[in-house]
PDB file of all heavy atoms in Angstrom:
ATOM      1  N   GLN A   1       0.800  -1.213   0.001  1.00  0.00           N
ATOM      2  CA  GLN A   1       0.010   0.011   0.002  1.00  0.00           C
ATOM      3  C   GLN A   1       0.837   1.256  -0.011  1.00  0.00           C
ATOM      4  O   GLN A   1       0.372   2.322  -0.366  1.00  0.00           O
ATOM      5  CB  GLN A   1      -0.968   0.001   1.208  1.00  0.00           C
ATOM      6  CG  GLN A   1      -2.075  -0.999   1.072  1.00  0.00           C
ATOM      7  CD  GLN A   1      -2.911  -1.105   2.331  1.00  0.00           C
ATOM      8  OE1 GLN A   1      -2.397  -0.962   3.457  1.00  0.00           O
ATOM      9  NE2 GLN A   1      -4.200  -1.321   2.178  1.00  0.00           N
ATOM     10  N   PHE A   2       2.090   1.179   0.443  1.00  0.00           N
ATOM     11  CA  PHE A   2       2.969   2.325   0.382  1.00  0.00           C
ATOM     12  C   PHE A   2       4.411   1.858   0.473  1.00  0.00           C
ATOM     13  O   PHE A   2       4.695   0.734   0.894  1.00  0.00           O
ATOM     14  CB  PHE A   2       2.681   3.342   1.514  1.00  0.00           C
ATOM     15  CG  PHE A   2       2.910   2.831   2.888  1.00  0.00           C
ATOM     16  CD1 PHE A   2       4.129   3.027   3.529  1.00  0.00           C
ATOM     17  CD2 PHE A   2       1.937   2.135   3.579  1.00  0.00           C
ATOM     18  CE1 PHE A   2       4.348   2.565   4.814  1.00  0.00           C
ATOM     19  CE2 PHE A   2       2.130   1.662   4.866  1.00  0.00           C
ATOM     20  CZ  PHE A   2       3.355   1.878   5.476  1.00  0.00           C
ATOM     21  N   GLY A   3       5.320   2.699   0.016  1.00  0.00           N
ATOM     22  CA  GLY A   3       6.733   2.419   0.091  1.00  0.00           C
ATOM     23  C   GLY A   3       7.404   3.390   1.010  1.00  0.00           C
ATOM     24  O   GLY A   3       6.931   4.512   1.238  1.00  0.00           O
ATOM     25  N   MET A   4       8.529   2.981   1.582  1.00  0.00           N
ATOM     26  CA  MET A   4       9.205   3.850   2.543  1.00  0.00           C
ATOM     27  C   MET A   4      10.703   3.578   2.507  1.00  0.00           C
ATOM     28  O   MET A   4      11.156   2.452   2.340  1.00  0.00           O
ATOM     29  CB  MET A   4       8.670   3.570   3.959  1.00  0.00           C
ATOM     30  CG  MET A   4       9.328   4.384   5.059  1.00  0.00           C
ATOM     31  SD  MET A   4       8.573   4.104   6.656  1.00  0.00           S
ATOM     32  CE  MET A   4       6.966   4.836   6.427  1.00  0.00           C
ATOM     33  N   ASP A   5      11.479   4.641   2.628  1.00  0.00           N
ATOM     34  CA  ASP A   5      12.931   4.561   2.741  1.00  0.00           C
ATOM     35  C   ASP A   5      13.378   5.708   3.624  1.00  0.00           C
ATOM     36  O   ASP A   5      13.739   6.785   3.153  1.00  0.00           O
ATOM     37  CB  ASP A   5      13.578   4.624   1.355  1.00  0.00           C
ATOM     38  CG  ASP A   5      15.104   4.351   1.460  1.00  0.00           C
ATOM     39  OD1 ASP A   5      15.586   4.047   2.550  1.00  0.00           O
ATOM     40  OD2 ASP A   5      15.770   4.459   0.416  1.00  0.00           O
ATOM     41  N   LEU A   6      13.305   5.484   4.929  1.00  0.00           N
ATOM     42  CA  LEU A   6      13.575   6.513   5.927  1.00  0.00           C
ATOM     43  C   LEU A   6      14.852   6.215   6.686  1.00  0.00           C
ATOM     44  O   LEU A   6      15.115   5.066   7.066  1.00  0.00           O
ATOM     45  CB  LEU A   6      12.424   6.632   6.932  1.00  0.00           C
ATOM     46  CG  LEU A   6      11.202   7.454   6.543  1.00  0.00           C
ATOM     47  CD1 LEU A   6      10.160   7.389   7.668  1.00  0.00           C
ATOM     48  CD2 LEU A   6      11.556   8.897   6.251  1.00  0.00           C
ATOM     49  N   ARG A   7      15.632   7.238   6.918  1.00  0.00           N
ATOM     50  CA  ARG A   7      16.782   7.146   7.820  1.00  0.00           C
ATOM     51  C   ARG A   7      16.452   7.924   9.079  1.00  0.00           C
ATOM     52  O   ARG A   7      16.050   9.083   9.023  1.00  0.00           O
ATOM     53  CB  ARG A   7      18.030   7.723   7.137  1.00  0.00           C
ATOM     54  CG  ARG A   7      18.488   6.865   5.948  1.00  0.00           C
ATOM     55  CD  ARG A   7      19.472   7.568   5.087  1.00  0.00           C
ATOM     56  NE  ARG A   7      18.908   8.729   4.414  1.00  0.00           N
ATOM     57  CZ  ARG A   7      18.113   8.668   3.352  1.00  0.00           C
ATOM     58  NH1 ARG A   7      17.787   7.478   2.835  1.00  0.00           N
ATOM     59  NH2 ARG A   7      17.634   9.788   2.807  1.00  0.00           N
ATOM     60  N   LEU A   8      16.590   7.243  10.203  1.00  0.00           N
ATOM     61  CA  LEU A   8      16.177   7.795  11.492  1.00  0.00           C
ATOM     62  C   LEU A   8      17.363   7.924  12.440  1.00  0.00           C
ATOM     63  O   LEU A   8      18.286   7.101  12.407  1.00  0.00           O
ATOM     64  CB  LEU A   8      15.114   6.918  12.159  1.00  0.00           C
ATOM     65  CG  LEU A   8      13.887   6.518  11.303  1.00  0.00           C
ATOM     66  CD1 LEU A   8      13.072   5.513  12.061  1.00  0.00           C
ATOM     67  CD2 LEU A   8      13.072   7.750  10.983  1.00  0.00           C
ATOM     68  N   SER A   9      17.301   8.930  13.261  1.00  0.00           N
ATOM     69  CA  SER A   9      18.253   9.053  14.344  1.00  0.00           C
ATOM     70  C   SER A   9      17.511   9.585  15.559  1.00  0.00           C
ATOM     71  O   SER A   9      16.475  10.258  15.431  1.00  0.00           O
ATOM     72  CB  SER A   9      19.419   9.993  13.966  1.00  0.00           C
ATOM     73  OG  SER A   9      18.940  11.302  13.764  1.00  0.00           O
ATOM     74  N   ALA A  10      18.015   9.266  16.731  1.00  0.00           N
ATOM     75  CA  ALA A  10      17.360   9.702  17.977  1.00  0.00           C
ATOM     76  C   ALA A  10      18.367   9.791  19.087  1.00  0.00           C
ATOM     77  O   ALA A  10      19.211   8.889  19.239  1.00  0.00           O
ATOM     78  CB  ALA A  10      16.220   8.761  18.358  1.00  0.00           C
ATOM     79  N   LYS A  11      18.307  10.872  19.852  1.00  0.00           N
ATOM     80  CA  LYS A  11      19.169  10.966  21.022  1.00  0.00           C
ATOM     81  C   LYS A  11      18.781   9.909  22.060  1.00  0.00           C
ATOM     82  O   LYS A  11      19.646   9.391  22.745  1.00  0.00           O
ATOM     83  CB  LYS A  11      19.050  12.373  21.608  1.00  0.00           C
ATOM     84  CG  LYS A  11      19.566  13.468  20.689  1.00  0.00           C
ATOM     85  CD  LYS A  11      19.408  14.837  21.372  1.00  0.00           C
ATOM     86  CE  LYS A  11      19.917  15.943  20.439  1.00  0.00           C
ATOM     87  NZ  LYS A  11      19.726  17.286  21.041  1.00  0.00           N
ATOM     88  N   ALA A  12      17.494   9.662  22.172  1.00  0.00           N
ATOM     89  CA  ALA A  12      17.013   8.641  23.097  1.00  0.00           C
ATOM     90  C   ALA A  12      15.863   7.879  22.444  1.00  0.00           C
ATOM     91  O   ALA A  12      14.996   8.476  21.832  1.00  0.00           O
ATOM     92  CB  ALA A  12      16.563   9.264  24.403  1.00  0.00           C
ATOM     93  N   ALA A  13      15.882   6.546  22.548  1.00  0.00           N
ATOM     94  CA  ALA A  13      14.853   5.696  21.980  1.00  0.00           C
ATOM     95  C   ALA A  13      14.409   4.706  23.057  1.00  0.00           C
ATOM     96  O   ALA A  13      15.229   3.987  23.604  1.00  0.00           O
ATOM     97  CB  ALA A  13      15.380   4.989  20.744  1.00  0.00           C
ATOM     98  N   GLU A  14      13.107   4.705  23.316  1.00  0.00           N
ATOM     99  CA  GLU A  14      12.543   3.784  24.307  1.00  0.00           C
ATOM    100  C   GLU A  14      12.090   2.526  23.615  1.00  0.00           C
ATOM    101  O   GLU A  14      11.382   2.583  22.608  1.00  0.00           O
ATOM    102  CB  GLU A  14      11.388   4.443  25.063  1.00  0.00           C
ATOM    103  CG  GLU A  14      11.749   5.712  25.787  1.00  0.00           C
ATOM    104  CD  GLU A  14      12.721   5.451  26.926  1.00  0.00           C
ATOM    105  OE1 GLU A  14      12.652   4.373  27.559  1.00  0.00           O
ATOM    106  OE2 GLU A  14      13.579   6.341  27.186  1.00  0.00           O
ATOM    107  N   PHE A  15      12.505   1.392  24.141  1.00  0.00           N
ATOM    108  CA  PHE A  15      12.027   0.097  23.698  1.00  0.00           C
ATOM    109  C   PHE A  15      11.792  -0.710  24.952  1.00  0.00           C
ATOM    110  O   PHE A  15      12.610  -1.513  25.363  1.00  0.00           O
ATOM    111  CB  PHE A  15      13.056  -0.605  22.778  1.00  0.00           C
ATOM    112  CG  PHE A  15      12.488  -1.758  22.016  1.00  0.00           C
ATOM    113  CD1 PHE A  15      11.936  -1.563  20.776  1.00  0.00           C
ATOM    114  CD2 PHE A  15      12.484  -3.018  22.557  1.00  0.00           C
ATOM    115  CE1 PHE A  15      11.421  -2.648  20.055  1.00  0.00           C
ATOM    116  CE2 PHE A  15      11.955  -4.091  21.871  1.00  0.00           C
ATOM    117  CZ  PHE A  15      11.433  -3.903  20.597  1.00  0.00           C
ATOM    118  N   ALA A  16      10.646  -0.384  25.605  1.00  0.00           N
ATOM    119  CA  ALA A  16      10.357  -0.882  26.951  1.00  0.00           C
ATOM    120  C   ALA A  16      10.661  -2.391  27.057  1.00  0.00           C
ATOM    121  O   ALA A  16      10.276  -3.165  26.178  1.00  0.00           O
ATOM    122  CB  ALA A  16       8.894  -0.597  27.309  1.00  0.00           C
ATOM    123  N   PRO A  17      11.432  -2.761  28.121  1.00  0.00           N
ATOM    124  CA  PRO A  17      11.860  -1.916  29.262  1.00  0.00           C
ATOM    125  C   PRO A  17      13.247  -1.309  29.085  1.00  0.00           C
ATOM    126  O   PRO A  17      13.870  -0.910  30.061  1.00  0.00           O
ATOM    127  CB  PRO A  17      11.851  -2.933  30.386  1.00  0.00           C
ATOM    128  CG  PRO A  17      12.276  -4.211  29.738  1.00  0.00           C
ATOM    129  CD  PRO A  17      11.691  -4.181  28.371  1.00  0.00           C
ATOM    130  N   PHE A  18      13.735  -1.215  27.839  1.00  0.00           N
ATOM    131  CA  PHE A  18      15.095  -0.746  27.625  1.00  0.00           C
ATOM    132  C   PHE A  18      15.062   0.676  27.054  1.00  0.00           C
ATOM    133  O   PHE A  18      14.113   1.108  26.419  1.00  0.00           O
ATOM    134  CB  PHE A  18      15.854  -1.660  26.666  1.00  0.00           C
ATOM    135  CG  PHE A  18      15.940  -3.086  27.147  1.00  0.00           C
ATOM    136  CD1 PHE A  18      15.198  -4.080  26.561  1.00  0.00           C
ATOM    137  CD2 PHE A  18      16.746  -3.433  28.219  1.00  0.00           C
ATOM    138  CE1 PHE A  18      15.250  -5.398  27.003  1.00  0.00           C
ATOM    139  CE2 PHE A  18      16.838  -4.719  28.664  1.00  0.00           C
ATOM    140  CZ  PHE A  18      16.073  -5.722  28.061  1.00  0.00           C
ATOM    141  N   SER A  19      16.203   1.377  27.248  1.00  0.00           N
ATOM    142  CA  SER A  19      16.392   2.707  26.692  1.00  0.00           C
ATOM    143  C   SER A  19      17.685   2.692  25.881  1.00  0.00           C
ATOM    144  O   SER A  19      18.719   2.279  26.360  1.00  0.00           O
ATOM    145  CB  SER A  19      16.492   3.742  27.815  1.00  0.00           C
ATOM    146  OG  SER A  19      15.279   3.839  28.526  1.00  0.00           O
ATOM    147  N   LEU A  20      17.579   3.156  24.637  1.00  0.00           N
ATOM    148  CA  LEU A  20      18.740   3.259  23.754  1.00  0.00           C
ATOM    149  C   LEU A  20      19.137   4.706  23.619  1.00  0.00           C
ATOM    150  O   LEU A  20      18.296   5.620  23.709  1.00  0.00           O
ATOM    151  CB  LEU A  20      18.386   2.695  22.357  1.00  0.00           C
ATOM    152  CG  LEU A  20      17.841   1.281  22.284  1.00  0.00           C
ATOM    153  CD1 LEU A  20      17.562   0.908  20.826  1.00  0.00           C
ATOM    154  CD2 LEU A  20      18.812   0.281  22.875  1.00  0.00           C
ATOM    155  N   ARG A  21      20.402   4.928  23.391  1.00  0.00           N
ATOM    156  CA  ARG A  21      20.905   6.277  23.133  1.00  0.00           C
ATOM    157  C   ARG A  21      21.629   6.322  21.794  1.00  0.00           C
ATOM    158  O   ARG A  21      22.184   5.326  21.342  1.00  0.00           O
ATOM    159  CB  ARG A  21      21.884   6.697  24.264  1.00  0.00           C
ATOM    160  CG  ARG A  21      21.204   6.905  25.637  1.00  0.00           C
ATOM    161  CD  ARG A  21      22.182   7.421  26.683  1.00  0.00           C
ATOM    162  NE  ARG A  21      23.155   6.379  27.057  1.00  0.00           N
ATOM    163  CZ  ARG A  21      24.441   6.398  26.738  1.00  0.00           C
ATOM    164  NH1 ARG A  21      24.896   7.394  25.967  1.00  0.00           N
ATOM    165  NH2 ARG A  21      25.240   5.454  27.118  1.00  0.00           N
ATOM    166  N   ASP A  22      21.627   7.513  21.201  1.00  0.00           N
ATOM    167  CA  ASP A  22      22.337   7.739  19.948  1.00  0.00           C
ATOM    168  C   ASP A  22      22.004   6.702  18.897  1.00  0.00           C
ATOM    169  O   ASP A  22      22.864   6.051  18.318  1.00  0.00           O
ATOM    170  CB  ASP A  22      23.865   7.765  20.205  1.00  0.00           C
ATOM    171  CG  ASP A  22      24.261   8.818  21.204  1.00  0.00           C
ATOM    172  OD1 ASP A  22      23.629   9.879  21.212  1.00  0.00           O
ATOM    173  OD2 ASP A  22      25.171   8.568  22.036  1.00  0.00           O
ATOM    174  N   LEU A  23      20.697   6.565  18.664  1.00  0.00           N
ATOM    175  CA  LEU A  23      20.209   5.589  17.702  1.00  0.00           C
ATOM    176  C   LEU A  23      20.395   6.090  16.266  1.00  0.00           C
ATOM    177  O   LEU A  23      20.114   7.241  15.951  1.00  0.00           O
ATOM    178  CB  LEU A  23      18.721   5.316  17.949  1.00  0.00           C
ATOM    179  CG  LEU A  23      17.991   4.482  16.919  1.00  0.00           C
ATOM    180  CD1 LEU A  23      18.434   3.033  17.009  1.00  0.00           C
ATOM    181  CD2 LEU A  23      16.480   4.578  17.104  1.00  0.00           C
ATOM    182  N   ALA A  24      20.899   5.216  15.414  1.00  0.00           N
ATOM    183  CA  ALA A  24      20.958   5.466  13.966  1.00  0.00           C
ATOM    184  C   ALA A  24      20.325   4.246  13.285  1.00  0.00           C
ATOM    185  O   ALA A  24      20.833   3.140  13.432  1.00  0.00           O
ATOM    186  CB  ALA A  24      22.401   5.669  13.502  1.00  0.00           C
ATOM    187  N   ALA A  25      19.228   4.477  12.580  1.00  0.00           N
ATOM    188  CA  ALA A  25      18.461   3.330  12.036  1.00  0.00           C
ATOM    189  C   ALA A  25      17.891   3.710  10.687  1.00  0.00           C
ATOM    190  O   ALA A  25      17.929   4.880  10.228  1.00  0.00           O
ATOM    191  CB  ALA A  25      17.345   2.944  12.980  1.00  0.00           C
ATOM    192  N   GLY A  26      17.365   2.729  10.024  1.00  0.00           N
ATOM    193  CA  GLY A  26      16.720   2.905   8.728  1.00  0.00           C
ATOM    194  C   GLY A  26      15.539   2.011   8.578  1.00  0.00           C
ATOM    195  O   GLY A  26      15.535   0.871   9.071  1.00  0.00           O
ATOM    196  N   MET A  27      14.478   2.490   7.938  1.00  0.00           N
ATOM    197  CA  MET A  27      13.274   1.717   7.701  1.00  0.00           C
ATOM    198  C   MET A  27      13.005   1.711   6.190  1.00  0.00           C
ATOM    199  O   MET A  27      13.020   2.740   5.547  1.00  0.00           O
ATOM    200  CB  MET A  27      12.085   2.281   8.439  1.00  0.00           C
ATOM    201  CG  MET A  27      10.761   1.661   8.016  1.00  0.00           C
ATOM    202  SD  MET A  27       9.455   1.934   9.218  1.00  0.00           S
ATOM    203  CE  MET A  27       9.826   0.635  10.388  1.00  0.00           C
ATOM    204  N   ARG A  28      12.744   0.510   5.665  1.00  0.00           N
ATOM    205  CA  ARG A  28      12.515   0.374   4.236  1.00  0.00           C
ATOM    206  C   ARG A  28      11.347  -0.567   4.016  1.00  0.00           C
ATOM    207  O   ARG A  28      11.294  -1.653   4.581  1.00  0.00           O
ATOM    208  CB  ARG A  28      13.761  -0.159   3.549  1.00  0.00           C
ATOM    209  CG  ARG A  28      13.711  -0.134   2.034  1.00  0.00           C
ATOM    210  CD  ARG A  28      15.030  -0.602   1.447  1.00  0.00           C
ATOM    211  NE  ARG A  28      15.053  -0.518  -0.011  1.00  0.00           N
ATOM    212  CZ  ARG A  28      15.372   0.530  -0.699  1.00  0.00           C
ATOM    213  NH1 ARG A  28      15.710   1.653  -0.069  1.00  0.00           N
ATOM    214  NH2 ARG A  28      15.356   0.512  -2.028  1.00  0.00           N
TER     215      ARG A  28
END
């Protein structure tokens, strides 16, 4: 239904119960 090619970054990323810092990711 849709296409995506995103590059993401975040100073803080919550993935309960964990917390990530300085995230660099991509979604396709």
